[in-house]
Amino acid sequence: MTKKIVTRFAPSPTGYLHIGGVRTALFNFVFSRKNNGTFLVRIEDTDKERSEEQYITAIMDGLDWVGLNPDHEPIKQSDRFNIYKDEAFRLVEEGKAYKDDGAIRLKVNKEGSTLVKDLVYGDIEFLNKELDDLVILRSDNSPTYHFCNVIDDNFQQVTHIIRGEDHLPNTPKQIQIVNALNYHGFEYAHLPLVLGEDKKRLSKRHAATDLMSYKEEGYLPEAVLNMLAKLGWSNTEKDIFTINDLIKIFDVSDIQRSGAVFDKERLNFINQNHMAMKTDDELVNLLGIFNEQNGFSLSEHHDPKRLVRLCVGSGNNFSEISNFIKPFIIDFEEYNKADFNKHLLGSENVLNYFKESIHSIDDWNEAKFEEIINSAMKDLDLPMPKIGLPLRVALVGRAKSPPLSSTIYLIDKNKIVQRLDKALKIISEH
């Protein structure tokens, strides 16, 4: 009978959930789902000085946001110190470990070598003579990382340990502990590191490393996972996919060995695609919290679905899109200076033409505004840019907006008139 696949993500609560850690959790989650297995989370909080409850909460909230929830309640190593202590003393009794200045060390076999059979990097041989006798229990009875790591993986019946390749040098030490404890052992798959654009390990100087900062900026969780899946794994030419797509095609053999670069611009591209796939209602709801932060709501707008659909491509995330939408709802304080100087100055004839045309309109629709725009080009003998650009700057404070007929339609009639009056007044003062 084939043993059920069990994977685990084992973060230390000494800080917020790192984007590289999310990639590790993702690959563990996807591998377990692909094989109808179990995905676990273990909190490795043996560092009493640095571990904090707030970070445990933050880690679990982050995993919940991206949908990487464990199949069982996480265990905490700080609740299991007696177990580690008992196992350490068992090894002493069996002559496999010894006391040293109050601590307990494992007797490491210095002969020969330890073979790590890695599913990504292949077979790697480590000379045992280069290994020290490992401290497994400190003099204050606290266990060391390697010792409790092995005990808990065995206790949780983990079959596959999938983690960053910076843990690869730890593996022969842990195999020595596995053998001493007479455990069955595990299969290993080490993942290439997540790097910044300078090919050094990803840090805050490259991009935000805390997962939840991407939520706060308005990135979609499915876009973040899509991006992270492409870091060190490739089995599709598709750039945009869901986690269910990934589960269907994922194979450990497609994990690459070289470090993977985290590129914010690529995340932006992926996020824009995932945002565009949302329904109008979903977009309105997802923008709600960002609009609230910006001091407005779409609840009173005459066509919020049309507004968000036309503006969804205007930003990399919901925070940027909300800022883009803002002048359609509430008055802007100042014009983009370059756009004002280049397009608005000298455009009085265009602004007056539209002010007079709009006054008499009761049927507020885009088709009607298309008629006025076409008439303006003929009557004023001007090309479209000479009409569209000044009007955009007058109406939303900048030259960038949806199609002109849509831009006019999406703003309240009274606001249109007020903004044209304001622009004409400011032009006259220059």
Protein backbone atom coordinates (compact mmCIF):
# COMPACT_ATOMS: atom_id res chain seq x y z
CA MET A 1 0.00 0.00 0.00
CA THR A 2 1.36 3.41 -0.99
CA LYS A 3 2.00 5.72 1.95
CA LYS A 4 -0.18 8.84 1.99
CA ILE A 5 1.70 11.99 0.99
CA VAL A 6 2.09 14.47 3.86
CA THR A 7 3.85 17.83 3.49
CA ARG A 8 4.39 20.64 5.94
CA PHE A 9 5.24 24.32 6.06
CA ALA A 10 7.19 25.13 9.23
CA PRO A 11 7.67 28.88 9.75
CA SER A 12 9.34 30.49 12.76
CA PRO A 13 7.22 33.27 14.31
CA THR A 14 10.10 35.71 14.61
CA GLY A 15 8.68 38.07 11.96
CA TYR A 16 5.91 38.48 9.41
CA LEU A 17 5.27 35.97 6.61
CA HIS A 18 8.06 36.40 4.05
CA ILE A 19 7.20 36.22 0.35
CA GLY A 20 9.83 33.47 -0.05
CA GLY A 21 8.12 31.49 2.70
CA VAL A 22 4.82 31.78 0.87
CA ARG A 23 6.43 30.20 -2.21
CA THR A 24 7.60 27.29 -0.01
CA ALA A 25 4.12 26.91 1.48
CA LEU A 26 2.61 27.03 -2.02
CA PHE A 27 4.78 24.20 -3.37
CA ASN A 28 4.05 22.07 -0.27
CA PHE A 29 0.32 22.75 -0.62
CA VAL A 30 0.21 22.05 -4.35
CA PHE A 31 2.30 18.85 -4.09
CA SER A 32 0.01 17.48 -1.37
CA ARG A 33 -3.14 18.38 -3.33
CA LYS A 34 -1.74 16.90 -6.54
CA ASN A 35 -1.25 13.59 -4.71
CA ASN A 36 -4.47 13.65 -2.65
CA GLY A 37 -2.33 14.10 0.44
CA THR A 38 -2.29 16.25 3.56
CA PHE A 39 -0.82 19.72 3.99
CA LEU A 40 0.25 20.72 7.52
CA VAL A 41 1.57 23.84 9.20
CA ARG A 42 3.93 23.64 12.19
CA ILE A 43 4.97 26.66 14.22
CA GLU A 44 8.67 26.38 15.07
CA ASP A 45 8.77 28.69 18.09
CA THR A 46 11.67 27.25 20.08
CA ASP A 47 13.48 30.62 19.96
CA LYS A 48 11.94 32.03 23.13
CA GLU A 49 13.62 35.42 22.77
CA ARG A 50 12.39 36.22 19.25
CA SER A 51 9.14 34.26 18.87
CA GLU A 52 5.98 36.32 19.35
CA GLU A 53 2.30 35.44 19.32
CA GLN A 54 1.51 38.36 17.00
CA TYR A 55 3.72 36.80 14.33
CA ILE A 56 1.91 33.46 14.63
CA THR A 57 -1.35 35.30 14.01
CA ALA A 58 0.19 37.21 11.10
CA ILE A 59 1.54 34.02 9.52
CA MET A 60 -1.80 32.21 9.75
CA ASP A 61 -3.69 35.29 8.49
CA GLY A 62 -1.31 35.48 5.53
CA LEU A 63 -1.76 31.81 4.64
CA ASP A 64 -5.53 32.24 4.95
CA TRP A 65 -5.47 35.27 2.61
CA VAL A 66 -3.78 33.29 -0.17
CA GLY A 67 -5.88 30.17 0.53
CA LEU A 68 -3.05 27.92 1.74
CA ASN A 69 -4.86 26.67 4.81
CA PRO A 70 -3.58 23.53 6.56
CA ASP A 71 -5.73 20.41 6.76
CA HIS A 72 -5.27 20.18 10.54
CA GLU A 73 -4.73 22.65 13.37
CA PRO A 74 -1.05 23.68 13.50
CA ILE A 75 1.12 22.31 16.29
CA LYS A 76 3.57 24.52 18.20
CA GLN A 77 6.99 23.25 19.18
CA SER A 78 6.89 25.23 22.42
CA ASP A 79 4.12 22.85 23.58
CA ARG A 80 6.29 19.79 23.01
CA PHE A 81 9.52 20.42 24.97
CA ASN A 82 8.99 17.37 27.20
CA ILE A 83 8.85 15.12 24.14
CA TYR A 84 12.17 16.44 22.82
CA LYS A 85 13.75 16.08 26.25
CA ASP A 86 12.55 12.46 26.57
CA GLU A 87 13.93 11.57 23.13
CA ALA A 88 17.29 13.18 23.95
CA PHE A 89 17.61 11.17 27.18
CA ARG A 90 16.57 8.01 25.31
CA LEU A 91 19.53 8.51 22.98
CA VAL A 92 21.83 8.96 26.01
CA GLU A 93 20.55 5.69 27.50
CA GLU A 94 21.11 3.93 24.18
CA GLY A 95 24.68 5.23 24.01
CA LYS A 96 23.96 7.32 20.92
CA ALA A 97 24.34 10.68 22.70
CA TYR A 98 26.25 12.02 25.67
CA LYS A 99 26.16 14.85 28.20
CA ASP A 100 28.58 17.73 27.71
CA ASP A 101 28.63 20.76 30.07
CA GLY A 102 24.95 20.29 30.85
CA ALA A 103 23.99 19.94 27.21
CA ILE A 104 23.41 16.73 25.27
CA ARG A 105 25.31 15.97 22.06
CA LEU A 106 24.58 13.37 19.42
CA LYS A 107 27.45 11.00 18.65
CA VAL A 108 27.93 11.54 14.94
CA ASN A 109 29.43 8.68 12.94
CA LYS A 110 32.57 10.25 11.45
CA GLU A 111 33.23 7.36 9.07
CA GLY A 112 32.17 7.43 5.44
CA SER A 113 29.55 9.83 4.14
CA THR A 114 25.86 10.73 4.29
CA LEU A 115 23.93 10.64 1.02
CA VAL A 116 21.15 13.15 0.50
CA LYS A 117 18.81 11.99 -2.25
CA ASP A 118 17.17 15.25 -3.31
CA LEU A 119 14.27 15.32 -5.78
CA VAL A 120 15.50 18.62 -7.24
CA TYR A 121 19.29 18.63 -6.88
CA GLY A 122 19.85 14.89 -7.23
CA ASP A 123 22.19 12.80 -5.07
CA ILE A 124 24.58 14.84 -2.94
CA GLU A 125 27.24 13.22 -0.76
CA PHE A 126 28.47 14.86 2.46
CA LEU A 127 31.59 13.60 4.24
CA ASN A 128 30.77 12.65 7.82
CA LYS A 129 34.19 13.74 9.08
CA GLU A 130 33.11 17.32 8.41
CA LEU A 131 30.18 17.00 10.84
CA ASP A 132 30.55 17.88 14.53
CA ASP A 133 28.80 16.02 17.32
CA LEU A 134 25.52 17.92 17.27
CA VAL A 135 24.04 19.59 20.34
CA ILE A 136 20.46 18.26 20.46
CA LEU A 137 19.47 19.59 23.90
CA ARG A 138 20.92 22.75 25.41
CA SER A 139 21.91 23.09 29.05
CA ASP A 140 18.61 24.89 29.77
CA ASN A 141 16.76 21.80 28.40
CA SER A 142 15.63 23.64 25.25
CA PRO A 143 15.94 21.56 22.07
CA THR A 144 17.96 22.64 19.04
CA TYR A 145 16.35 23.31 15.67
CA HIS A 146 17.60 20.16 13.94
CA PHE A 147 16.50 17.83 16.74
CA CYS A 148 12.91 18.97 17.21
CA ASN A 149 12.54 19.39 13.44
CA VAL A 150 13.20 15.68 12.87
CA ILE A 151 11.07 14.54 15.83
CA ASP A 152 8.08 16.59 14.68
CA ASP A 153 8.33 15.53 11.05
CA ASN A 154 8.24 11.92 12.25
CA PHE A 155 5.40 12.60 14.70
CA GLN A 156 3.32 14.31 11.99
CA GLN A 157 4.06 11.45 9.56
CA VAL A 158 5.56 13.84 7.02
CA THR A 159 6.67 12.04 3.87
CA HIS A 160 8.18 14.88 1.84
CA ILE A 161 10.19 17.81 3.17
CA ILE A 162 9.97 20.65 0.63
CA ARG A 163 11.94 23.72 1.68
CA GLY A 164 14.45 26.34 0.53
CA GLU A 165 17.85 25.17 -0.72
CA ASP A 166 19.53 27.13 2.07
CA HIS A 167 18.48 24.14 4.25
CA LEU A 168 20.36 21.65 2.07
CA PRO A 169 23.55 21.75 4.22
CA ASN A 170 21.37 20.95 7.28
CA THR A 171 20.05 17.77 5.73
CA PRO A 172 23.00 15.40 6.48
CA LYS A 173 22.87 16.49 10.13
CA GLN A 174 19.16 15.73 10.26
CA ILE A 175 19.65 12.37 8.56
CA GLN A 176 22.14 11.50 11.32
CA ILE A 177 19.42 12.32 13.88
CA VAL A 178 16.85 10.28 11.91
CA ASN A 179 19.14 7.26 11.97
CA ALA A 180 19.94 7.61 15.67
CA LEU A 181 16.23 7.76 16.54
CA ASN A 182 15.47 4.77 14.28
CA TYR A 183 12.92 6.76 12.25
CA HIS A 184 11.92 5.82 8.70
CA GLY A 185 13.20 9.09 7.25
CA PHE A 186 11.82 11.40 4.60
CA GLU A 187 12.11 12.41 0.98
CA TYR A 188 13.64 15.81 0.33
CA ALA A 189 13.05 18.48 -2.31
CA HIS A 190 14.97 21.73 -1.94
CA LEU A 191 13.72 24.82 -3.75
CA PRO A 192 15.91 27.48 -5.41
CA LEU A 193 16.11 30.70 -3.44
CA VAL A 194 13.92 33.69 -4.28
CA LEU A 195 16.27 36.46 -5.39
CA GLY A 196 16.10 40.20 -5.96
CA GLU A 197 16.90 41.72 -9.36
CA ASP A 198 20.60 41.92 -8.41
CA LYS A 199 20.56 38.10 -7.99
CA LYS A 200 21.04 38.40 -4.23
CA ARG A 201 18.60 36.91 -1.74
CA LEU A 202 15.33 38.84 -1.75
CA SER A 203 15.25 41.51 0.93
CA LYS A 204 13.40 44.72 1.70
CA ARG A 205 15.82 46.71 -0.45
CA HIS A 206 14.48 44.88 -3.53
CA ALA A 207 10.74 44.84 -2.79
CA ALA A 208 8.34 44.41 0.10
CA THR A 209 9.00 40.99 1.63
CA ASP A 210 6.00 40.86 3.99
CA LEU A 211 3.13 39.09 2.21
CA MET A 212 0.40 41.24 3.72
CA SER A 213 1.90 44.44 2.35
CA TYR A 214 0.76 43.18 -1.06
CA LYS A 215 -2.77 42.78 0.27
CA GLU A 216 -2.62 46.34 1.60
CA GLU A 217 -1.50 47.61 -1.81
CA GLY A 218 -4.41 45.90 -3.50
CA TYR A 219 -2.89 42.86 -5.15
CA LEU A 220 -5.07 39.77 -5.57
CA PRO A 221 -4.00 36.65 -3.64
CA GLU A 222 -4.40 34.51 -6.76
CA ALA A 223 -2.03 36.85 -8.63
CA VAL A 224 0.58 36.60 -5.87
CA LEU A 225 0.42 32.79 -5.99
CA ASN A 226 0.53 32.83 -9.80
CA MET A 227 3.67 34.95 -9.64
CA LEU A 228 5.34 32.82 -6.95
CA ALA A 229 4.59 29.57 -8.78
CA LYS A 230 6.70 30.78 -11.70
CA LEU A 231 9.67 31.37 -9.38
CA GLY A 232 11.73 28.23 -9.80
CA TRP A 233 9.11 26.07 -11.49
CA SER A 234 8.05 25.82 -15.10
CA ASN A 235 5.81 23.43 -16.96
CA THR A 236 3.62 25.79 -18.94
CA GLU A 237 4.04 28.61 -21.41
CA LYS A 238 0.97 30.25 -19.93
CA ASP A 239 1.73 33.30 -17.80
CA ILE A 240 -1.70 33.47 -16.19
CA PHE A 241 -3.21 30.53 -14.33
CA THR A 242 -5.08 29.66 -11.13
CA ILE A 243 -3.97 27.43 -8.29
CA ASN A 244 -6.33 24.70 -9.57
CA ASP A 245 -4.56 24.87 -12.95
CA LEU A 246 -1.25 24.58 -11.10
CA ILE A 247 -2.35 21.53 -9.10
CA LYS A 248 -3.24 19.71 -12.33
CA ILE A 249 0.15 20.23 -14.00
CA PHE A 250 2.56 20.46 -11.05
CA ASP A 251 5.44 18.01 -10.83
CA VAL A 252 8.51 18.21 -8.60
CA SER A 253 10.68 17.25 -11.58
CA ASP A 254 9.85 20.63 -13.15
CA ILE A 255 11.40 22.58 -10.25
CA GLN A 256 14.55 24.31 -11.43
CA ARG A 257 17.86 24.49 -9.58
CA SER A 258 18.90 28.06 -10.29
CA GLY A 259 17.72 30.96 -8.14
CA ALA A 260 14.48 32.66 -9.21
CA VAL A 261 14.22 36.44 -9.48
CA PHE A 262 11.21 38.19 -7.93
CA ASP A 263 10.22 40.93 -10.38
CA LYS A 264 7.63 43.48 -9.21
CA GLU A 265 6.86 44.47 -12.80
CA ARG A 266 5.99 40.87 -13.58
CA LEU A 267 3.72 40.75 -10.56
CA ASN A 268 2.03 43.91 -11.85
CA PHE A 269 1.42 42.30 -15.25
CA ILE A 270 0.00 39.13 -13.67
CA ASN A 271 -2.18 41.10 -11.26
CA GLN A 272 -3.61 43.24 -14.06
CA ASN A 273 -4.66 40.08 -15.88
CA HIS A 274 -6.30 38.58 -12.80
CA MET A 275 -8.12 41.84 -12.05
CA ALA A 276 -9.42 41.98 -15.63
CA MET A 277 -10.95 38.50 -15.18
CA LYS A 278 -13.11 39.68 -12.27
CA THR A 279 -16.79 40.47 -12.85
CA ASP A 280 -18.00 44.07 -12.56
CA ASP A 281 -19.66 43.29 -9.22
CA GLU A 282 -16.46 41.72 -7.89
CA LEU A 283 -14.43 44.75 -8.93
CA VAL A 284 -16.85 47.13 -7.21
CA ASN A 285 -16.62 45.06 -3.99
CA LEU A 286 -12.84 44.63 -4.10
CA LEU A 287 -12.32 48.36 -4.61
CA GLY A 288 -14.56 49.25 -1.68
CA ILE A 289 -11.93 49.33 1.08
CA PHE A 290 -9.48 51.32 -1.05
CA ASN A 291 -12.14 53.83 -2.04
CA GLU A 292 -13.02 54.22 1.63
CA GLN A 293 -9.36 54.97 2.39
CA ASN A 294 -9.46 57.57 -0.38
CA GLY A 295 -12.54 59.24 1.11
CA PHE A 296 -15.24 58.23 -1.36
CA SER A 297 -17.75 55.52 -2.23
CA LEU A 298 -19.27 54.25 -5.47
CA SER A 299 -22.65 53.67 -3.81
CA GLU A 300 -24.13 56.93 -5.17
CA HIS A 301 -22.55 56.75 -8.63
CA HIS A 302 -24.99 56.39 -11.53
CA ASP A 303 -23.05 53.56 -13.24
CA PRO A 304 -20.33 52.11 -10.95
CA LYS A 305 -19.93 48.90 -12.97
CA ARG A 306 -19.16 50.80 -16.16
CA LEU A 307 -16.74 53.02 -14.25
CA VAL A 308 -14.70 50.19 -12.73
CA ARG A 309 -14.65 48.15 -15.94
CA LEU A 310 -13.26 51.08 -17.94
CA CYS A 311 -10.71 51.90 -15.23
CA VAL A 312 -9.52 48.40 -14.27
CA GLY A 313 -6.57 48.63 -16.66
CA SER A 314 -5.45 51.99 -15.31
CA GLY A 315 -3.38 50.68 -12.40
CA ASN A 316 -1.26 47.77 -11.24
CA ASN A 317 -3.42 47.12 -8.18
CA PHE A 318 -6.65 48.22 -6.55
CA SER A 319 -4.97 51.01 -4.63
CA GLU A 320 -3.78 52.60 -7.88
CA ILE A 321 -7.14 52.03 -9.59
CA SER A 322 -8.98 53.66 -6.71
CA ASN A 323 -6.73 56.72 -7.01
CA PHE A 324 -7.44 56.79 -10.74
CA ILE A 325 -11.21 56.64 -10.15
CA LYS A 326 -11.19 59.28 -7.40
CA PRO A 327 -11.67 62.40 -9.60
CA PHE A 328 -14.76 60.82 -11.18
CA ILE A 329 -16.41 60.94 -7.76
CA ILE A 330 -14.90 63.82 -5.77
CA ASP A 331 -13.26 67.07 -6.84
CA PHE A 332 -9.52 67.05 -7.42
CA GLU A 333 -7.40 69.73 -5.80
CA GLU A 334 -4.92 70.44 -8.59
CA TYR A 335 -4.19 69.70 -12.21
CA ASN A 336 -1.24 67.68 -13.41
CA LYS A 337 1.13 70.56 -14.07
CA ALA A 338 2.63 69.24 -17.31
CA ASP A 339 -0.80 68.30 -18.70
CA PHE A 340 -2.22 71.69 -17.70
CA ASN A 341 0.52 73.62 -19.49
CA LYS A 342 0.57 71.40 -22.57
CA HIS A 343 -3.14 70.81 -23.15
CA LEU A 344 -5.41 73.11 -21.15
CA LEU A 345 -3.92 76.56 -21.78
CA GLY A 346 -5.40 78.03 -24.96
CA SER A 347 -8.32 75.60 -25.10
CA GLU A 348 -11.10 78.04 -24.16
CA ASN A 349 -12.98 77.46 -27.44
CA VAL A 350 -13.18 73.71 -26.79
CA LEU A 351 -14.29 74.08 -23.17
CA ASN A 352 -16.95 76.69 -24.03
CA TYR A 353 -18.29 74.55 -26.88
CA PHE A 354 -18.84 71.57 -24.56
CA LYS A 355 -20.18 73.69 -21.73
CA GLU A 356 -22.90 75.07 -24.02
CA SER A 357 -23.63 71.66 -25.58
CA ILE A 358 -23.91 69.80 -22.26
CA HIS A 359 -26.27 72.34 -20.63
CA SER A 360 -29.17 71.21 -22.78
CA ILE A 361 -28.63 67.43 -22.41
CA ASP A 362 -31.02 65.45 -20.25
CA ASP A 363 -30.39 61.98 -21.69
CA TRP A 364 -26.98 61.25 -20.16
CA ASN A 365 -25.40 58.55 -22.36
CA GLU A 366 -22.17 57.87 -24.24
CA ALA A 367 -23.76 57.80 -27.70
CA LYS A 368 -24.99 61.37 -27.23
CA PHE A 369 -21.51 62.52 -26.22
CA GLU A 370 -20.01 60.84 -29.28
CA GLU A 371 -22.34 63.01 -31.41
CA ILE A 372 -21.18 66.18 -29.63
CA ILE A 373 -17.51 65.21 -30.02
CA ASN A 374 -17.95 64.60 -33.77
CA SER A 375 -19.78 67.90 -34.12
CA ALA A 376 -17.03 69.70 -32.22
CA MET A 377 -14.32 68.35 -34.55
CA LYS A 378 -16.27 69.71 -37.54
CA ASP A 379 -17.43 73.00 -36.06
CA LEU A 380 -14.07 73.86 -34.47
CA ASP A 381 -12.01 72.27 -37.26
CA LEU A 382 -9.83 70.45 -34.73
CA PRO A 383 -8.42 66.90 -34.62
CA MET A 384 -9.53 64.60 -31.82
CA PRO A 385 -6.43 65.12 -29.58
CA LYS A 386 -7.02 68.90 -29.55
CA ILE A 387 -10.49 68.25 -28.19
CA GLY A 388 -10.01 65.17 -26.04
CA LEU A 389 -6.84 66.14 -24.16
CA PRO A 390 -7.98 69.60 -22.94
CA LEU A 391 -11.33 68.16 -21.87
CA ARG A 392 -9.72 65.31 -19.94
CA VAL A 393 -7.45 67.72 -18.07
CA ALA A 394 -10.39 70.00 -17.32
CA LEU A 395 -12.62 67.17 -16.12
CA VAL A 396 -10.27 64.82 -14.22
CA GLY A 397 -7.12 66.94 -13.79
CA ARG A 398 -4.91 64.86 -16.10
CA ALA A 399 -4.60 63.75 -19.71
CA LYS A 400 -5.18 60.07 -18.99
CA SER A 401 -8.74 58.73 -18.75
CA PRO A 402 -11.12 56.29 -20.49
CA PRO A 403 -12.50 57.22 -23.97
CA LEU A 404 -13.71 60.81 -23.98
CA SER A 405 -17.41 60.03 -24.40
CA SER A 406 -17.14 57.59 -21.47
CA THR A 407 -15.19 60.06 -19.34
CA ILE A 408 -17.93 62.66 -19.74
CA TYR A 409 -20.71 60.11 -19.12
CA LEU A 410 -19.06 58.81 -15.94
CA ILE A 411 -19.02 62.24 -14.25
CA ASP A 412 -22.11 63.86 -12.76
CA LYS A 413 -23.58 66.59 -15.00
CA ASN A 414 -23.32 69.32 -12.37
CA LYS A 415 -19.66 68.42 -11.77
CA ILE A 416 -18.96 68.63 -15.52
CA VAL A 417 -20.30 72.18 -15.68
CA GLN A 418 -18.51 73.24 -12.48
CA ARG A 419 -15.18 71.82 -13.68
CA LEU A 420 -15.45 73.46 -17.10
CA ASP A 421 -16.20 76.79 -15.38
CA LYS A 422 -13.26 76.29 -13.03
CA ALA A 423 -10.89 75.49 -15.90
CA LEU A 424 -12.03 78.52 -17.91
CA LYS A 425 -11.51 80.76 -14.88
CA ILE A 426 -7.99 79.44 -14.20
CA ILE A 427 -7.03 79.76 -17.88
CA SER A 428 -8.20 83.38 -17.88
CA GLU A 429 -5.94 84.12 -14.92
CA HIS A 430 -2.82 82.85 -16.70
